[in-house]
PDB file of all heavy atoms in Angstrom:
ATOM      1  N   ASN A   1      22.062 -67.932 -21.096  1.00  0.00           N
ATOM      2  CA  ASN A   1      23.060 -68.890 -21.557  1.00  0.00           C
ATOM      3  C   ASN A   1      22.354 -70.086 -22.195  1.00  0.00           C
ATOM      4  O   ASN A   1      22.488 -71.223 -21.769  1.00  0.00           O
ATOM      5  CB  ASN A   1      23.945 -69.341 -20.389  1.00  0.00           C
ATOM      6  CG  ASN A   1      25.110 -70.189 -20.840  1.00  0.00           C
ATOM      7  OD1 ASN A   1      25.513 -70.137 -21.999  1.00  0.00           O
ATOM      8  ND2 ASN A   1      25.635 -70.991 -19.933  1.00  0.00           N
ATOM      9  N   GLY A   2      21.572 -69.804 -23.230  1.00  0.00           N
ATOM     10  CA  GLY A   2      20.804 -70.839 -23.919  1.00  0.00           C
ATOM     11  C   GLY A   2      20.337 -70.299 -25.251  1.00  0.00           C
ATOM     12  O   GLY A   2      21.076 -69.599 -25.940  1.00  0.00           O
ATOM     13  N   VAL A   3      19.087 -70.581 -25.625  1.00  0.00           N
ATOM     14  CA  VAL A   3      18.568 -70.052 -26.881  1.00  0.00           C
ATOM     15  C   VAL A   3      18.394 -68.542 -26.760  1.00  0.00           C
ATOM     16  O   VAL A   3      18.246 -68.000 -25.673  1.00  0.00           O
ATOM     17  CB  VAL A   3      17.221 -70.710 -27.263  1.00  0.00           C
ATOM     18  CG1 VAL A   3      17.397 -72.185 -27.502  1.00  0.00           C
ATOM     19  CG2 VAL A   3      16.159 -70.450 -26.210  1.00  0.00           C
ATOM     20  N   VAL A   4      18.441 -67.866 -27.890  1.00  0.00           N
ATOM     21  CA  VAL A   4      18.257 -66.419 -27.907  1.00  0.00           C
ATOM     22  C   VAL A   4      17.184 -66.063 -28.925  1.00  0.00           C
ATOM     23  O   VAL A   4      16.888 -66.838 -29.837  1.00  0.00           O
ATOM     24  CB  VAL A   4      19.570 -65.672 -28.253  1.00  0.00           C
ATOM     25  CG1 VAL A   4      20.661 -66.020 -27.270  1.00  0.00           C
ATOM     26  CG2 VAL A   4      20.018 -65.972 -29.679  1.00  0.00           C
ATOM     27  N   THR A   5      16.586 -64.899 -28.745  1.00  0.00           N
ATOM     28  CA  THR A   5      15.632 -64.401 -29.730  1.00  0.00           C
ATOM     29  C   THR A   5      16.368 -63.474 -30.680  1.00  0.00           C
ATOM     30  O   THR A   5      17.149 -62.624 -30.255  1.00  0.00           O
ATOM     31  CB  THR A   5      14.474 -63.644 -29.051  1.00  0.00           C
ATOM     32  OG1 THR A   5      15.024 -62.639 -28.201  1.00  0.00           O
ATOM     33  CG2 THR A   5      13.626 -64.583 -28.214  1.00  0.00           C
ATOM     34  N   ALA A   6      16.101 -63.622 -31.949  1.00  0.00           N
ATOM     35  CA  ALA A   6      16.781 -62.797 -32.938  1.00  0.00           C
ATOM     36  C   ALA A   6      16.365 -61.338 -32.825  1.00  0.00           C
ATOM     37  O   ALA A   6      17.077 -60.446 -33.276  1.00  0.00           O
ATOM     38  CB  ALA A   6      16.488 -63.329 -34.343  1.00  0.00           C
ATOM     39  N   GLU A   7      15.205 -61.090 -32.236  1.00  0.00           N
ATOM     40  CA  GLU A   7      14.712 -59.725 -32.093  1.00  0.00           C
ATOM     41  C   GLU A   7      13.824 -59.628 -30.861  1.00  0.00           C
ATOM     42  O   GLU A   7      13.565 -60.618 -30.173  1.00  0.00           O
ATOM     43  CB  GLU A   7      13.936 -59.321 -33.341  1.00  0.00           C
ATOM     44  CG  GLU A   7      12.757 -60.222 -33.640  1.00  0.00           C
ATOM     45  CD  GLU A   7      12.155 -59.968 -35.014  1.00  0.00           C
ATOM     46  OE1 GLU A   7      12.925 -59.808 -35.982  1.00  0.00           O
ATOM     47  OE2 GLU A   7      10.917 -59.936 -35.092  1.00  0.00           O
ATOM     48  N   PHE A   8      13.352 -58.426 -30.587  1.00  0.00           N
ATOM     49  CA  PHE A   8      12.484 -58.166 -29.454  1.00  0.00           C
ATOM     50  C   PHE A   8      11.153 -58.900 -29.638  1.00  0.00           C
ATOM     51  O   PHE A   8      10.582 -58.906 -30.725  1.00  0.00           O
ATOM     52  CB  PHE A   8      12.241 -56.657 -29.357  1.00  0.00           C
ATOM     53  CG  PHE A   8      11.476 -56.211 -28.145  1.00  0.00           C
ATOM     54  CD1 PHE A   8      12.114 -56.020 -26.937  1.00  0.00           C
ATOM     55  CD2 PHE A   8      10.117 -55.970 -28.216  1.00  0.00           C
ATOM     56  CE1 PHE A   8      11.421 -55.588 -25.819  1.00  0.00           C
ATOM     57  CE2 PHE A   8       9.404 -55.540 -27.107  1.00  0.00           C
ATOM     58  CZ  PHE A   8      10.059 -55.349 -25.904  1.00  0.00           C
ATOM     59  N   VAL A   9      10.664 -59.536 -28.579  1.00  0.00           N
ATOM     60  CA  VAL A   9       9.394 -60.264 -28.621  1.00  0.00           C
ATOM     61  C   VAL A   9       8.385 -59.498 -27.764  1.00  0.00           C
ATOM     62  O   VAL A   9       8.516 -59.444 -26.543  1.00  0.00           O
ATOM     63  CB  VAL A   9       9.547 -61.710 -28.098  1.00  0.00           C
ATOM     64  CG1 VAL A   9       8.206 -62.441 -28.176  1.00  0.00           C
ATOM     65  CG2 VAL A   9      10.598 -62.456 -28.911  1.00  0.00           C
ATOM     66  N   GLY A  10       7.399 -58.877 -28.397  1.00  0.00           N
ATOM     67  CA  GLY A  10       6.425 -58.055 -27.693  1.00  0.00           C
ATOM     68  C   GLY A  10       5.342 -58.869 -27.021  1.00  0.00           C
ATOM     69  O   GLY A  10       5.085 -60.022 -27.367  1.00  0.00           O
ATOM     70  N   CYS A  11       4.669 -58.241 -26.038  1.00  0.00           N
ATOM     71  CA  CYS A  11       3.595 -58.907 -25.295  1.00  0.00           C
ATOM     72  C   CYS A  11       2.233 -58.690 -25.927  1.00  0.00           C
ATOM     73  O   CYS A  11       1.232 -59.225 -25.459  1.00  0.00           O
ATOM     74  CB  CYS A  11       3.569 -58.405 -23.855  1.00  0.00           C
ATOM     75  SG  CYS A  11       2.993 -56.690 -23.691  1.00  0.00           S
ATOM     76  N   GLY A  12       2.177 -57.885 -26.997  1.00  0.00           N
ATOM     77  CA  GLY A  12       0.905 -57.588 -27.649  1.00  0.00           C
ATOM     78  C   GLY A  12       0.369 -56.203 -27.339  1.00  0.00           C
ATOM     79  O   GLY A  12      -0.712 -55.830 -27.806  1.00  0.00           O
ATOM     80  N   MET A  13       1.100 -55.413 -26.558  1.00  0.00           N
ATOM     81  CA  MET A  13       0.648 -54.060 -26.227  1.00  0.00           C
ATOM     82  C   MET A  13       0.672 -53.175 -27.461  1.00  0.00           C
ATOM     83  O   MET A  13       1.683 -53.087 -28.154  1.00  0.00           O
ATOM     84  CB  MET A  13       1.548 -53.462 -25.138  1.00  0.00           C
ATOM     85  CG  MET A  13       1.065 -52.130 -24.598  1.00  0.00           C
ATOM     86  SD  MET A  13       2.200 -51.403 -23.373  1.00  0.00           S
ATOM     87  CE  MET A  13       3.466 -50.714 -24.459  1.00  0.00           C
ATOM     88  N   PRO A  14      -0.445 -52.485 -27.777  1.00  0.00           N
ATOM     89  CA  PRO A  14      -0.493 -51.635 -28.972  1.00  0.00           C
ATOM     90  C   PRO A  14       0.538 -50.510 -28.940  1.00  0.00           C
ATOM     91  O   PRO A  14       0.905 -50.018 -27.864  1.00  0.00           O
ATOM     92  CB  PRO A  14      -1.919 -51.058 -28.936  1.00  0.00           C
ATOM     93  CG  PRO A  14      -2.692 -51.965 -28.042  1.00  0.00           C
ATOM     94  CD  PRO A  14      -1.719 -52.502 -27.041  1.00  0.00           C
ATOM     95  N   LYS A  15       0.972 -50.096 -30.108  1.00  0.00           N
ATOM     96  CA  LYS A  15       1.972 -49.037 -30.202  1.00  0.00           C
ATOM     97  C   LYS A  15       1.470 -47.737 -29.589  1.00  0.00           C
ATOM     98  O   LYS A  15       2.253 -46.976 -29.012  1.00  0.00           O
ATOM     99  CB  LYS A  15       2.358 -48.814 -31.664  1.00  0.00           C
ATOM    100  CG  LYS A  15       3.137 -49.967 -32.274  1.00  0.00           C
ATOM    101  CD  LYS A  15       3.506 -49.681 -33.723  1.00  0.00           C
ATOM    102  CE  LYS A  15       4.279 -50.857 -34.326  1.00  0.00           C
ATOM    103  NZ  LYS A  15       4.605 -50.615 -35.747  1.00  0.00           N
ATOM    104  N   LYS A  16       0.171 -47.479 -29.701  1.00  0.00           N
ATOM    105  CA  LYS A  16      -0.363 -46.233 -29.156  1.00  0.00           C
ATOM    106  C   LYS A  16      -0.309 -46.197 -27.626  1.00  0.00           C
ATOM    107  O   LYS A  16      -0.493 -45.135 -27.019  1.00  0.00           O
ATOM    108  CB  LYS A  16      -1.793 -46.006 -29.641  1.00  0.00           C
ATOM    109  CG  LYS A  16      -2.787 -47.079 -29.235  1.00  0.00           C
ATOM    110  CD  LYS A  16      -4.158 -46.783 -29.837  1.00  0.00           C
ATOM    111  CE  LYS A  16      -5.166 -47.874 -29.492  1.00  0.00           C
ATOM    112  NZ  LYS A  16      -5.391 -48.013 -28.060  1.00  0.00           N
ATOM    113  N   ASN A  17      -0.070 -47.340 -26.998  1.00  0.00           N
ATOM    114  CA  ASN A  17       0.059 -47.393 -25.540  1.00  0.00           C
ATOM    115  C   ASN A  17       1.483 -47.120 -25.073  1.00  0.00           C
ATOM    116  O   ASN A  17       1.760 -47.153 -23.876  1.00  0.00           O
ATOM    117  CB  ASN A  17      -0.402 -48.750 -25.006  1.00  0.00           C
ATOM    118  CG  ASN A  17      -1.901 -48.970 -25.176  1.00  0.00           C
ATOM    119  OD1 ASN A  17      -2.558 -48.248 -25.915  1.00  0.00           O
ATOM    120  ND2 ASN A  17      -2.440 -49.963 -24.502  1.00  0.00           N
ATOM    121  N   LYS A  18       2.373 -46.870 -26.025  1.00  0.00           N
ATOM    122  CA  LYS A  18       3.756 -46.529 -25.697  1.00  0.00           C
ATOM    123  C   LYS A  18       3.844 -45.011 -25.545  1.00  0.00           C
ATOM    124  O   LYS A  18       3.768 -44.282 -26.529  1.00  0.00           O
ATOM    125  CB  LYS A  18       4.702 -47.035 -26.790  1.00  0.00           C
ATOM    126  CG  LYS A  18       4.705 -48.547 -26.930  1.00  0.00           C
ATOM    127  CD  LYS A  18       5.227 -49.021 -28.279  1.00  0.00           C
ATOM    128  CE  LYS A  18       6.679 -48.720 -28.481  1.00  0.00           C
ATOM    129  NZ  LYS A  18       7.202 -49.333 -29.737  1.00  0.00           N
ATOM    130  N   LEU A  19       3.991 -44.555 -24.315  1.00  0.00           N
ATOM    131  CA  LEU A  19       3.961 -43.129 -24.015  1.00  0.00           C
ATOM    132  C   LEU A  19       5.353 -42.620 -23.658  1.00  0.00           C
ATOM    133  O   LEU A  19       6.273 -43.398 -23.428  1.00  0.00           O
ATOM    134  CB  LEU A  19       3.003 -42.868 -22.845  1.00  0.00           C
ATOM    135  CG  LEU A  19       1.616 -43.531 -22.931  1.00  0.00           C
ATOM    136  CD1 LEU A  19       0.845 -43.296 -21.638  1.00  0.00           C
ATOM    137  CD2 LEU A  19       0.839 -43.008 -24.129  1.00  0.00           C
ATOM    138  N   LYS A  20       5.483 -41.293 -23.595  1.00  0.00           N
ATOM    139  CA  LYS A  20       6.732 -40.689 -23.132  1.00  0.00           C
ATOM    140  C   LYS A  20       6.423 -39.427 -22.338  1.00  0.00           C
ATOM    141  O   LYS A  20       5.413 -38.759 -22.562  1.00  0.00           O
ATOM    142  CB  LYS A  20       7.680 -40.390 -24.292  1.00  0.00           C
ATOM    143  CG  LYS A  20       7.210 -39.278 -25.211  1.00  0.00           C
ATOM    144  CD  LYS A  20       8.331 -38.856 -26.153  1.00  0.00           C
ATOM    145  CE  LYS A  20       7.893 -37.628 -26.965  1.00  0.00           C
ATOM    146  NZ  LYS A  20       9.021 -37.019 -27.686  1.00  0.00           N
ATOM    147  N   SER A  21       7.294 -39.117 -21.400  1.00  0.00           N
ATOM    148  CA  SER A  21       7.122 -37.921 -20.584  1.00  0.00           C
ATOM    149  C   SER A  21       7.496 -36.679 -21.379  1.00  0.00           C
ATOM    150  O   SER A  21       8.202 -36.758 -22.395  1.00  0.00           O
ATOM    151  CB  SER A  21       7.988 -38.021 -19.325  1.00  0.00           C
ATOM    152  OG  SER A  21       9.357 -38.120 -19.680  1.00  0.00           O
ATOM    153  N   THR A  22       7.034 -35.539 -20.917  1.00  0.00           N
ATOM    154  CA  THR A  22       7.363 -34.290 -21.603  1.00  0.00           C
ATOM    155  C   THR A  22       8.823 -33.910 -21.413  1.00  0.00           C
ATOM    156  O   THR A  22       9.464 -33.365 -22.314  1.00  0.00           O
ATOM    157  CB  THR A  22       6.466 -33.152 -21.089  1.00  0.00           C
ATOM    158  OG1 THR A  22       6.542 -33.112 -19.656  1.00  0.00           O
ATOM    159  CG2 THR A  22       5.012 -33.383 -21.499  1.00  0.00           C
ATOM    160  N   VAL A  23       9.350 -34.211 -20.220  1.00  0.00           N
ATOM    161  CA  VAL A  23      10.741 -33.901 -19.881  1.00  0.00           C
ATOM    162  C   VAL A  23      11.322 -35.090 -19.121  1.00  0.00           C
ATOM    163  O   VAL A  23      10.591 -35.834 -18.461  1.00  0.00           O
ATOM    164  CB  VAL A  23      10.822 -32.622 -18.995  1.00  0.00           C
ATOM    165  CG1 VAL A  23      12.254 -32.335 -18.586  1.00  0.00           C
ATOM    166  CG2 VAL A  23      10.216 -31.426 -19.718  1.00  0.00           C
ATOM    167  N   ASP A  24      12.620 -35.291 -19.225  1.00  0.00           N
ATOM    168  CA  ASP A  24      13.304 -36.336 -18.461  1.00  0.00           C
ATOM    169  C   ASP A  24      13.043 -36.122 -16.973  1.00  0.00           C
ATOM    170  O   ASP A  24      13.274 -35.035 -16.433  1.00  0.00           O
ATOM    171  CB  ASP A  24      14.807 -36.264 -18.747  1.00  0.00           C
ATOM    172  CG  ASP A  24      15.588 -37.425 -18.143  1.00  0.00           C
ATOM    173  OD1 ASP A  24      15.123 -38.005 -17.132  1.00  0.00           O
ATOM    174  OD2 ASP A  24      16.662 -37.747 -18.670  1.00  0.00           O
ATOM    175  N   TRP A  25      12.551 -37.170 -16.293  1.00  0.00           N
ATOM    176  CA  TRP A  25      12.254 -37.047 -14.866  1.00  0.00           C
ATOM    177  C   TRP A  25      13.495 -36.732 -14.041  1.00  0.00           C
ATOM    178  O   TRP A  25      13.385 -36.285 -12.906  1.00  0.00           O
ATOM    179  CB  TRP A  25      11.602 -38.339 -14.359  1.00  0.00           C
ATOM    180  CG  TRP A  25      10.129 -38.415 -14.644  1.00  0.00           C
ATOM    181  CD1 TRP A  25       9.438 -37.700 -15.577  1.00  0.00           C
ATOM    182  CD2 TRP A  25       9.175 -39.240 -13.972  1.00  0.00           C
ATOM    183  NE1 TRP A  25       8.099 -38.031 -15.546  1.00  0.00           N
ATOM    184  CE2 TRP A  25       7.914 -38.983 -14.571  1.00  0.00           C
ATOM    185  CE3 TRP A  25       9.261 -40.182 -12.961  1.00  0.00           C
ATOM    186  CZ2 TRP A  25       6.751 -39.628 -14.154  1.00  0.00           C
ATOM    187  CZ3 TRP A  25       8.105 -40.836 -12.544  1.00  0.00           C
ATOM    188  CH2 TRP A  25       6.858 -40.562 -13.136  1.00  0.00           C
TER     189      TRP A  25
END
């Protein structure tokens, strides 16, 4: 209930560190 960010603000984690599982757990 205050200022908002116009978009997602990342922490600096590289895109290659974004992983996914082979199947939904």
